[in-house]
Amino acid sequence: MSPINSPHAACVDCLTEWFILYFHKKAIIRVQNPIRLDVYSEPEPDLVVAGLKPDKYKSGHPVPNEVMLVIEVADSSLDKDRSVKLPKYSYVGIAEAWLINLERQEVEVHTQPAETGYSKLKVFRIGQVIETSLVAGLPVEDIF
């Protein structure tokens, strides 16, 4: 894994703060911690919104049916995130995945997972507000 640069870290911090406030007592926000896709795959997305669990996942990492949203923040990892990670998230049925493109300051929201990849993509840019079935009212500029 490449070292995390300052813009990447700042973006993850901004997302973390917003999501913790937005999902307070409604979901668990996990930052750069593993999720278990199958017995061979435990990626570490930049941010995960997972369902509430009394033990807060001490007994095991969240599995796909517990993951509400996965977010990858990308600069040098953009191609890998898009071509490797997102298809895996879709294949296992994670309903929503975001790819934050730091260079272009865009948020790609991927929904409608299938075995071949997400079938719906919406791109949000500076000046727009992110509205999905899970999240409402997040100004794109607050991410960057």
N, C-alpha and C. Protein backbone atom coordinates (compact mmCIF):
# COMPACT_ATOMS: atom_id res chain seq x y z
N MET A 1 0.84 -1.19 0.00
CA MET A 1 0.00 0.00 0.00
C MET A 1 0.88 1.24 0.00
N SER A 2 0.45 2.23 -0.74
CA SER A 2 1.17 3.50 -0.80
C SER A 2 0.89 4.30 0.47
N PRO A 3 1.85 5.15 0.87
CA PRO A 3 1.60 6.02 2.02
C PRO A 3 0.44 6.97 1.71
N ILE A 4 -0.27 7.34 2.75
CA ILE A 4 -1.40 8.26 2.60
C ILE A 4 -0.86 9.68 2.62
N ASN A 5 -1.17 10.45 1.55
CA ASN A 5 -0.70 11.83 1.52
C ASN A 5 -1.68 12.75 2.27
N SER A 6 -1.29 13.99 2.46
CA SER A 6 -2.08 14.93 3.26
C SER A 6 -3.47 15.19 2.70
N PRO A 7 -3.66 15.44 1.38
CA PRO A 7 -5.02 15.65 0.88
C PRO A 7 -5.92 14.44 1.10
N HIS A 8 -5.36 13.25 0.93
CA HIS A 8 -6.13 12.02 1.16
C HIS A 8 -6.56 11.94 2.62
N ALA A 9 -5.61 12.14 3.53
CA ALA A 9 -5.91 12.08 4.96
C ALA A 9 -6.95 13.13 5.36
N ALA A 10 -6.80 14.34 4.84
CA ALA A 10 -7.75 15.41 5.16
C ALA A 10 -9.15 15.07 4.67
N CYS A 11 -9.24 14.49 3.48
CA CYS A 11 -10.54 14.10 2.93
C CYS A 11 -11.19 13.04 3.80
N VAL A 12 -10.42 12.04 4.22
CA VAL A 12 -10.95 11.00 5.10
C VAL A 12 -11.41 11.61 6.42
N ASP A 13 -10.65 12.56 6.95
CA ASP A 13 -11.05 13.23 8.19
C ASP A 13 -12.37 13.99 8.02
N CYS A 14 -12.52 14.72 6.92
CA CYS A 14 -13.76 15.47 6.66
C CYS A 14 -14.95 14.52 6.54
N LEU A 15 -14.77 13.44 5.80
CA LEU A 15 -15.84 12.45 5.65
C LEU A 15 -16.20 11.82 7.00
N THR A 16 -15.19 11.47 7.76
CA THR A 16 -15.42 10.84 9.06
C THR A 16 -16.25 11.73 9.97
N GLU A 17 -15.86 12.99 10.07
CA GLU A 17 -16.60 13.92 10.93
C GLU A 17 -18.06 14.04 10.47
N TRP A 18 -18.28 14.21 9.17
CA TRP A 18 -19.64 14.39 8.66
C TRP A 18 -20.47 13.14 8.90
N PHE A 19 -19.91 11.96 8.60
CA PHE A 19 -20.67 10.73 8.74
C PHE A 19 -20.95 10.36 10.19
N ILE A 20 -20.03 10.64 11.09
CA ILE A 20 -20.29 10.37 12.51
C ILE A 20 -21.45 11.22 13.00
N LEU A 21 -21.48 12.48 12.63
CA LEU A 21 -22.59 13.35 13.03
C LEU A 21 -23.90 12.92 12.37
N TYR A 22 -23.86 12.60 11.09
CA TYR A 22 -25.06 12.26 10.33
C TYR A 22 -25.69 10.95 10.81
N PHE A 23 -24.86 9.95 11.12
CA PHE A 23 -25.36 8.63 11.48
C PHE A 23 -25.30 8.36 12.99
N HIS A 24 -25.18 9.41 13.79
CA HIS A 24 -25.07 9.24 15.24
C HIS A 24 -26.17 8.30 15.77
N LYS A 25 -25.74 7.22 16.38
CA LYS A 25 -26.61 6.19 16.98
C LYS A 25 -27.51 5.47 15.97
N LYS A 26 -27.21 5.62 14.66
CA LYS A 26 -27.96 4.92 13.61
C LYS A 26 -27.09 3.92 12.87
N ALA A 27 -25.77 4.09 12.93
CA ALA A 27 -24.84 3.22 12.23
C ALA A 27 -23.47 3.36 12.89
N ILE A 28 -22.59 2.45 12.55
CA ILE A 28 -21.21 2.51 13.02
C ILE A 28 -20.33 2.96 11.85
N ILE A 29 -19.50 3.95 12.11
CA ILE A 29 -18.59 4.47 11.09
C ILE A 29 -17.22 3.87 11.36
N ARG A 30 -16.70 3.17 10.37
CA ARG A 30 -15.38 2.53 10.48
C ARG A 30 -14.42 3.21 9.51
N VAL A 31 -13.26 3.56 10.00
CA VAL A 31 -12.28 4.30 9.21
C VAL A 31 -11.05 3.44 8.97
N GLN A 32 -10.81 3.13 7.70
CA GLN A 32 -9.65 2.37 7.26
C GLN A 32 -9.49 1.06 8.03
N ASN A 33 -10.63 0.42 8.31
CA ASN A 33 -10.66 -0.88 8.97
C ASN A 33 -11.21 -1.92 8.00
N PRO A 34 -10.86 -3.18 8.20
CA PRO A 34 -11.28 -4.21 7.25
C PRO A 34 -12.78 -4.49 7.26
N ILE A 35 -13.23 -4.95 6.11
CA ILE A 35 -14.54 -5.58 5.99
C ILE A 35 -14.25 -6.96 5.39
N ARG A 36 -15.10 -7.92 5.71
CA ARG A 36 -14.86 -9.30 5.24
C ARG A 36 -15.78 -9.60 4.07
N LEU A 37 -15.20 -9.63 2.87
CA LEU A 37 -16.00 -9.92 1.68
C LEU A 37 -16.19 -11.42 1.51
N ASP A 38 -15.15 -12.19 1.80
CA ASP A 38 -15.22 -13.65 1.77
C ASP A 38 -14.01 -14.17 2.54
N VAL A 39 -13.77 -15.47 2.53
CA VAL A 39 -12.68 -16.03 3.32
C VAL A 39 -11.30 -15.58 2.83
N TYR A 40 -11.21 -15.08 1.62
CA TYR A 40 -9.92 -14.68 1.05
C TYR A 40 -9.75 -13.17 0.91
N SER A 41 -10.78 -12.39 1.20
CA SER A 41 -10.71 -10.96 0.90
C SER A 41 -11.21 -10.11 2.06
N GLU A 42 -10.31 -9.29 2.60
CA GLU A 42 -10.64 -8.34 3.65
C GLU A 42 -10.03 -6.98 3.33
N PRO A 43 -10.63 -6.26 2.37
CA PRO A 43 -10.09 -4.93 2.04
C PRO A 43 -10.31 -3.96 3.20
N GLU A 44 -9.57 -2.87 3.14
CA GLU A 44 -9.65 -1.82 4.16
C GLU A 44 -10.07 -0.52 3.50
N PRO A 45 -11.37 -0.35 3.26
CA PRO A 45 -11.84 0.90 2.65
C PRO A 45 -11.52 2.10 3.54
N ASP A 46 -11.50 3.26 2.93
CA ASP A 46 -11.24 4.46 3.72
C ASP A 46 -12.34 4.72 4.74
N LEU A 47 -13.57 4.45 4.37
CA LEU A 47 -14.68 4.66 5.30
C LEU A 47 -15.79 3.66 4.99
N VAL A 48 -16.39 3.13 6.04
CA VAL A 48 -17.51 2.20 5.91
C VAL A 48 -18.61 2.64 6.85
N VAL A 49 -19.83 2.62 6.35
CA VAL A 49 -21.00 2.79 7.20
C VAL A 49 -21.58 1.39 7.36
N ALA A 50 -21.58 0.91 8.59
CA ALA A 50 -22.06 -0.44 8.89
C ALA A 50 -23.24 -0.36 9.85
N GLY A 51 -24.07 -1.37 9.78
CA GLY A 51 -25.22 -1.43 10.66
C GLY A 51 -24.80 -1.51 12.12
N LEU A 52 -25.70 -1.09 12.98
CA LEU A 52 -25.42 -1.17 14.41
C LEU A 52 -25.29 -2.62 14.83
N LYS A 53 -24.38 -2.88 15.74
CA LYS A 53 -24.16 -4.21 16.26
C LYS A 53 -23.75 -4.03 17.72
N PRO A 54 -24.40 -4.76 18.64
CA PRO A 54 -24.11 -4.54 20.07
C PRO A 54 -22.63 -4.63 20.44
N ASP A 55 -21.90 -5.54 19.81
CA ASP A 55 -20.48 -5.67 20.17
C ASP A 55 -19.56 -4.77 19.34
N LYS A 56 -20.16 -3.94 18.51
CA LYS A 56 -19.41 -3.00 17.67
C LYS A 56 -18.34 -3.71 16.83
N TYR A 57 -18.66 -4.91 16.38
CA TYR A 57 -17.82 -5.71 15.50
C TYR A 57 -16.55 -6.23 16.17
N LYS A 58 -16.57 -6.39 17.49
CA LYS A 58 -15.45 -7.03 18.17
C LYS A 58 -15.35 -8.50 17.81
N SER A 59 -16.49 -9.12 17.50
CA SER A 59 -16.51 -10.55 17.19
C SER A 59 -16.13 -10.85 15.74
N GLY A 60 -16.02 -9.84 14.92
CA GLY A 60 -15.64 -10.04 13.52
C GLY A 60 -15.93 -8.80 12.71
N HIS A 61 -15.17 -8.65 11.64
CA HIS A 61 -15.35 -7.50 10.75
C HIS A 61 -16.72 -7.57 10.07
N PRO A 62 -17.27 -6.42 9.69
CA PRO A 62 -18.55 -6.44 8.97
C PRO A 62 -18.47 -7.27 7.69
N VAL A 63 -19.55 -7.96 7.42
CA VAL A 63 -19.69 -8.73 6.17
C VAL A 63 -20.64 -7.95 5.27
N PRO A 64 -20.71 -8.30 3.98
CA PRO A 64 -21.46 -7.49 3.03
C PRO A 64 -22.89 -7.11 3.44
N ASN A 65 -23.64 -8.03 4.04
CA ASN A 65 -25.01 -7.67 4.39
C ASN A 65 -25.08 -6.71 5.58
N GLU A 66 -23.96 -6.43 6.23
CA GLU A 66 -23.92 -5.45 7.32
C GLU A 66 -23.39 -4.10 6.85
N VAL A 67 -22.83 -4.05 5.66
CA VAL A 67 -22.23 -2.82 5.12
C VAL A 67 -23.29 -2.06 4.32
N MET A 68 -23.55 -0.83 4.75
CA MET A 68 -24.52 0.02 4.07
C MET A 68 -23.86 0.86 2.97
N LEU A 69 -22.62 1.26 3.21
CA LEU A 69 -21.89 2.12 2.28
C LEU A 69 -20.40 1.90 2.48
N VAL A 70 -19.68 1.87 1.38
CA VAL A 70 -18.23 1.80 1.41
C VAL A 70 -17.69 2.97 0.58
N ILE A 71 -16.63 3.62 1.12
CA ILE A 71 -16.05 4.78 0.44
C ILE A 71 -14.55 4.57 0.26
N GLU A 72 -14.09 4.78 -0.96
CA GLU A 72 -12.66 4.77 -1.27
C GLU A 72 -12.27 6.18 -1.70
N VAL A 73 -11.22 6.72 -1.08
CA VAL A 73 -10.66 8.01 -1.46
C VAL A 73 -9.45 7.71 -2.33
N ALA A 74 -9.43 8.28 -3.54
CA ALA A 74 -8.42 7.88 -4.51
C ALA A 74 -7.65 9.05 -5.09
N ASP A 75 -6.36 8.86 -5.14
CA ASP A 75 -5.48 9.73 -5.91
C ASP A 75 -4.66 8.80 -6.79
N SER A 76 -3.54 8.30 -6.32
CA SER A 76 -2.75 7.37 -7.12
C SER A 76 -3.43 6.00 -7.25
N SER A 77 -4.38 5.69 -6.40
CA SER A 77 -5.05 4.39 -6.41
C SER A 77 -6.33 4.37 -7.25
N LEU A 78 -6.61 5.44 -7.97
CA LEU A 78 -7.88 5.57 -8.68
C LEU A 78 -8.18 4.38 -9.60
N ASP A 79 -7.24 4.01 -10.44
CA ASP A 79 -7.48 2.92 -11.39
C ASP A 79 -7.75 1.60 -10.66
N LYS A 80 -6.95 1.31 -9.65
CA LYS A 80 -7.13 0.06 -8.89
C LYS A 80 -8.48 0.07 -8.16
N ASP A 81 -8.81 1.19 -7.55
CA ASP A 81 -10.09 1.27 -6.83
C ASP A 81 -11.26 1.04 -7.79
N ARG A 82 -11.18 1.64 -8.96
CA ARG A 82 -12.27 1.55 -9.93
C ARG A 82 -12.35 0.16 -10.57
N SER A 83 -11.21 -0.41 -10.90
CA SER A 83 -11.22 -1.67 -11.66
C SER A 83 -11.14 -2.93 -10.81
N VAL A 84 -10.68 -2.81 -9.56
CA VAL A 84 -10.54 -3.99 -8.71
C VAL A 84 -11.50 -3.95 -7.51
N LYS A 85 -11.42 -2.89 -6.72
CA LYS A 85 -12.21 -2.85 -5.49
C LYS A 85 -13.71 -2.70 -5.74
N LEU A 86 -14.10 -1.73 -6.55
CA LEU A 86 -15.54 -1.52 -6.78
C LEU A 86 -16.23 -2.77 -7.34
N PRO A 87 -15.65 -3.46 -8.32
CA PRO A 87 -16.30 -4.69 -8.79
C PRO A 87 -16.47 -5.74 -7.69
N LYS A 88 -15.49 -5.84 -6.78
CA LYS A 88 -15.61 -6.79 -5.67
C LYS A 88 -16.76 -6.39 -4.75
N TYR A 89 -16.87 -5.10 -4.44
CA TYR A 89 -17.95 -4.64 -3.57
C TYR A 89 -19.31 -4.91 -4.22
N SER A 90 -19.39 -4.67 -5.51
CA SER A 90 -20.64 -4.92 -6.23
C SER A 90 -20.97 -6.41 -6.25
N TYR A 91 -19.99 -7.22 -6.53
CA TYR A 91 -20.19 -8.67 -6.65
C TYR A 91 -20.79 -9.27 -5.38
N VAL A 92 -20.34 -8.77 -4.21
CA VAL A 92 -20.85 -9.31 -2.95
C VAL A 92 -22.14 -8.63 -2.49
N GLY A 93 -22.60 -7.63 -3.25
CA GLY A 93 -23.90 -7.03 -2.97
C GLY A 93 -23.92 -5.81 -2.08
N ILE A 94 -22.79 -5.14 -1.91
CA ILE A 94 -22.79 -3.90 -1.12
C ILE A 94 -23.57 -2.85 -1.92
N ALA A 95 -24.63 -2.33 -1.31
CA ALA A 95 -25.61 -1.52 -2.03
C ALA A 95 -25.08 -0.21 -2.60
N GLU A 96 -24.14 0.40 -1.91
CA GLU A 96 -23.67 1.71 -2.35
C GLU A 96 -22.17 1.83 -2.11
N ALA A 97 -21.46 2.31 -3.12
CA ALA A 97 -20.01 2.53 -3.02
C ALA A 97 -19.68 3.89 -3.62
N TRP A 98 -18.85 4.63 -2.91
CA TRP A 98 -18.42 5.94 -3.40
C TRP A 98 -16.94 5.87 -3.73
N LEU A 99 -16.59 6.51 -4.81
CA LEU A 99 -15.19 6.67 -5.18
C LEU A 99 -14.93 8.17 -5.21
N ILE A 100 -14.10 8.63 -4.29
CA ILE A 100 -13.76 10.05 -4.20
C ILE A 100 -12.51 10.29 -5.04
N ASN A 101 -12.66 11.03 -6.11
CA ASN A 101 -11.56 11.34 -7.01
C ASN A 101 -10.95 12.67 -6.56
N LEU A 102 -9.82 12.58 -5.85
CA LEU A 102 -9.20 13.79 -5.30
C LEU A 102 -8.73 14.75 -6.38
N GLU A 103 -8.15 14.22 -7.43
CA GLU A 103 -7.60 15.09 -8.48
C GLU A 103 -8.68 15.92 -9.15
N ARG A 104 -9.81 15.30 -9.48
CA ARG A 104 -10.89 16.00 -10.17
C ARG A 104 -11.91 16.62 -9.21
N GLN A 105 -11.76 16.37 -7.93
CA GLN A 105 -12.69 16.82 -6.90
C GLN A 105 -14.12 16.42 -7.26
N GLU A 106 -14.27 15.12 -7.49
CA GLU A 106 -15.57 14.54 -7.84
C GLU A 106 -15.86 13.36 -6.92
N VAL A 107 -17.15 13.13 -6.72
CA VAL A 107 -17.61 11.98 -5.95
C VAL A 107 -18.45 11.11 -6.88
N GLU A 108 -17.98 9.91 -7.14
CA GLU A 108 -18.74 8.96 -7.94
C GLU A 108 -19.57 8.11 -6.98
N VAL A 109 -20.86 8.10 -7.15
CA VAL A 109 -21.75 7.29 -6.33
C VAL A 109 -22.24 6.13 -7.19
N HIS A 110 -21.85 4.94 -6.79
CA HIS A 110 -22.19 3.71 -7.50
C HIS A 110 -23.28 2.98 -6.72
N THR A 111 -24.35 2.62 -7.42
CA THR A 111 -25.46 1.89 -6.79
C THR A 111 -25.94 0.79 -7.73
N GLN A 112 -26.89 0.02 -7.26
CA GLN A 112 -27.47 -1.11 -7.99
C GLN A 112 -26.39 -2.15 -8.32
N PRO A 113 -25.90 -2.83 -7.27
CA PRO A 113 -24.85 -3.82 -7.48
C PRO A 113 -25.34 -5.05 -8.24
N ALA A 114 -24.43 -5.63 -9.00
CA ALA A 114 -24.68 -6.87 -9.72
C ALA A 114 -23.35 -7.63 -9.77
N GLU A 115 -23.39 -8.87 -10.23
CA GLU A 115 -22.16 -9.67 -10.30
C GLU A 115 -21.14 -9.06 -11.24
N THR A 116 -21.59 -8.29 -12.21
CA THR A 116 -20.68 -7.71 -13.20
C THR A 116 -20.27 -6.27 -12.88
N GLY A 117 -20.74 -5.72 -11.79
CA GLY A 117 -20.40 -4.36 -11.40
C GLY A 117 -21.65 -3.55 -11.11
N TYR A 118 -21.45 -2.36 -10.61
CA TYR A 118 -22.58 -1.48 -10.31
C TYR A 118 -23.20 -1.01 -11.62
N SER A 119 -24.52 -0.99 -11.66
CA SER A 119 -25.18 -0.62 -12.91
C SER A 119 -25.61 0.85 -12.95
N LYS A 120 -25.49 1.56 -11.83
CA LYS A 120 -25.87 2.97 -11.82
C LYS A 120 -24.72 3.80 -11.25
N LEU A 121 -24.42 4.89 -11.93
CA LEU A 121 -23.36 5.81 -11.51
C LEU A 121 -23.88 7.23 -11.60
N LYS A 122 -23.65 7.99 -10.53
CA LYS A 122 -23.95 9.42 -10.55
C LYS A 122 -22.71 10.13 -10.03
N VAL A 123 -22.30 11.17 -10.74
CA VAL A 123 -21.10 11.93 -10.36
C VAL A 123 -21.53 13.28 -9.79
N PHE A 124 -20.98 13.60 -8.62
CA PHE A 124 -21.26 14.88 -7.96
C PHE A 124 -19.98 15.71 -7.96
N ARG A 125 -20.15 17.01 -8.23
CA ARG A 125 -19.01 17.93 -8.32
C ARG A 125 -19.19 19.11 -7.35
N ILE A 126 -18.13 19.88 -7.19
CA ILE A 126 -18.17 21.09 -6.36
C ILE A 126 -19.39 21.92 -6.76
N GLY A 127 -20.12 22.42 -5.77
CA GLY A 127 -21.33 23.20 -6.02
C GLY A 127 -22.59 22.36 -5.96
N GLN A 128 -22.44 21.03 -5.91
CA GLN A 128 -23.60 20.14 -5.82
C GLN A 128 -23.69 19.56 -4.41
N VAL A 129 -24.86 19.02 -4.12
CA VAL A 129 -25.12 18.38 -2.82
C VAL A 129 -25.44 16.92 -3.08
N ILE A 130 -24.76 16.05 -2.35
CA ILE A 130 -24.97 14.61 -2.53
C ILE A 130 -26.28 14.20 -1.89
N GLU A 131 -27.10 13.54 -2.70
CA GLU A 131 -28.38 12.99 -2.27
C GLU A 131 -28.46 11.57 -2.79
N THR A 132 -28.52 10.59 -1.90
CA THR A 132 -28.69 9.20 -2.30
C THR A 132 -29.79 8.61 -1.43
N SER A 133 -30.08 7.35 -1.60
CA SER A 133 -31.09 6.72 -0.75
C SER A 133 -30.61 6.61 0.70
N LEU A 134 -29.31 6.72 0.91
CA LEU A 134 -28.73 6.59 2.25
C LEU A 134 -28.31 7.92 2.86
N VAL A 135 -27.87 8.85 2.04
CA VAL A 135 -27.28 10.11 2.50
C VAL A 135 -27.99 11.27 1.83
N ALA A 136 -28.25 12.31 2.61
CA ALA A 136 -28.87 13.51 2.04
C ALA A 136 -28.22 14.75 2.65
N GLY A 137 -27.93 15.71 1.78
CA GLY A 137 -27.48 17.02 2.27
C GLY A 137 -26.00 17.18 2.48
N LEU A 138 -25.17 16.38 1.81
CA LEU A 138 -23.72 16.53 1.95
C LEU A 138 -23.17 17.36 0.80
N PRO A 139 -22.79 18.63 1.05
CA PRO A 139 -22.21 19.44 -0.01
C PRO A 139 -20.85 18.88 -0.42
N VAL A 140 -20.61 18.75 -1.69
CA VAL A 140 -19.36 18.16 -2.18
C VAL A 140 -18.15 18.93 -1.67
N GLU A 141 -18.26 20.26 -1.60
CA GLU A 141 -17.11 21.04 -1.14
C GLU A 141 -16.72 20.72 0.31
N ASP A 142 -17.65 20.17 1.10
CA ASP A 142 -17.33 19.80 2.48
C ASP A 142 -16.43 18.56 2.54
N ILE A 143 -16.32 17.84 1.44
CA ILE A 143 -15.48 16.64 1.39
C ILE A 143 -14.04 17.01 1.10
N PHE A 144 -13.86 18.06 0.30
CA PHE A 144 -12.52 18.44 -0.14
C PHE A 144 -12.01 19.61 0.66
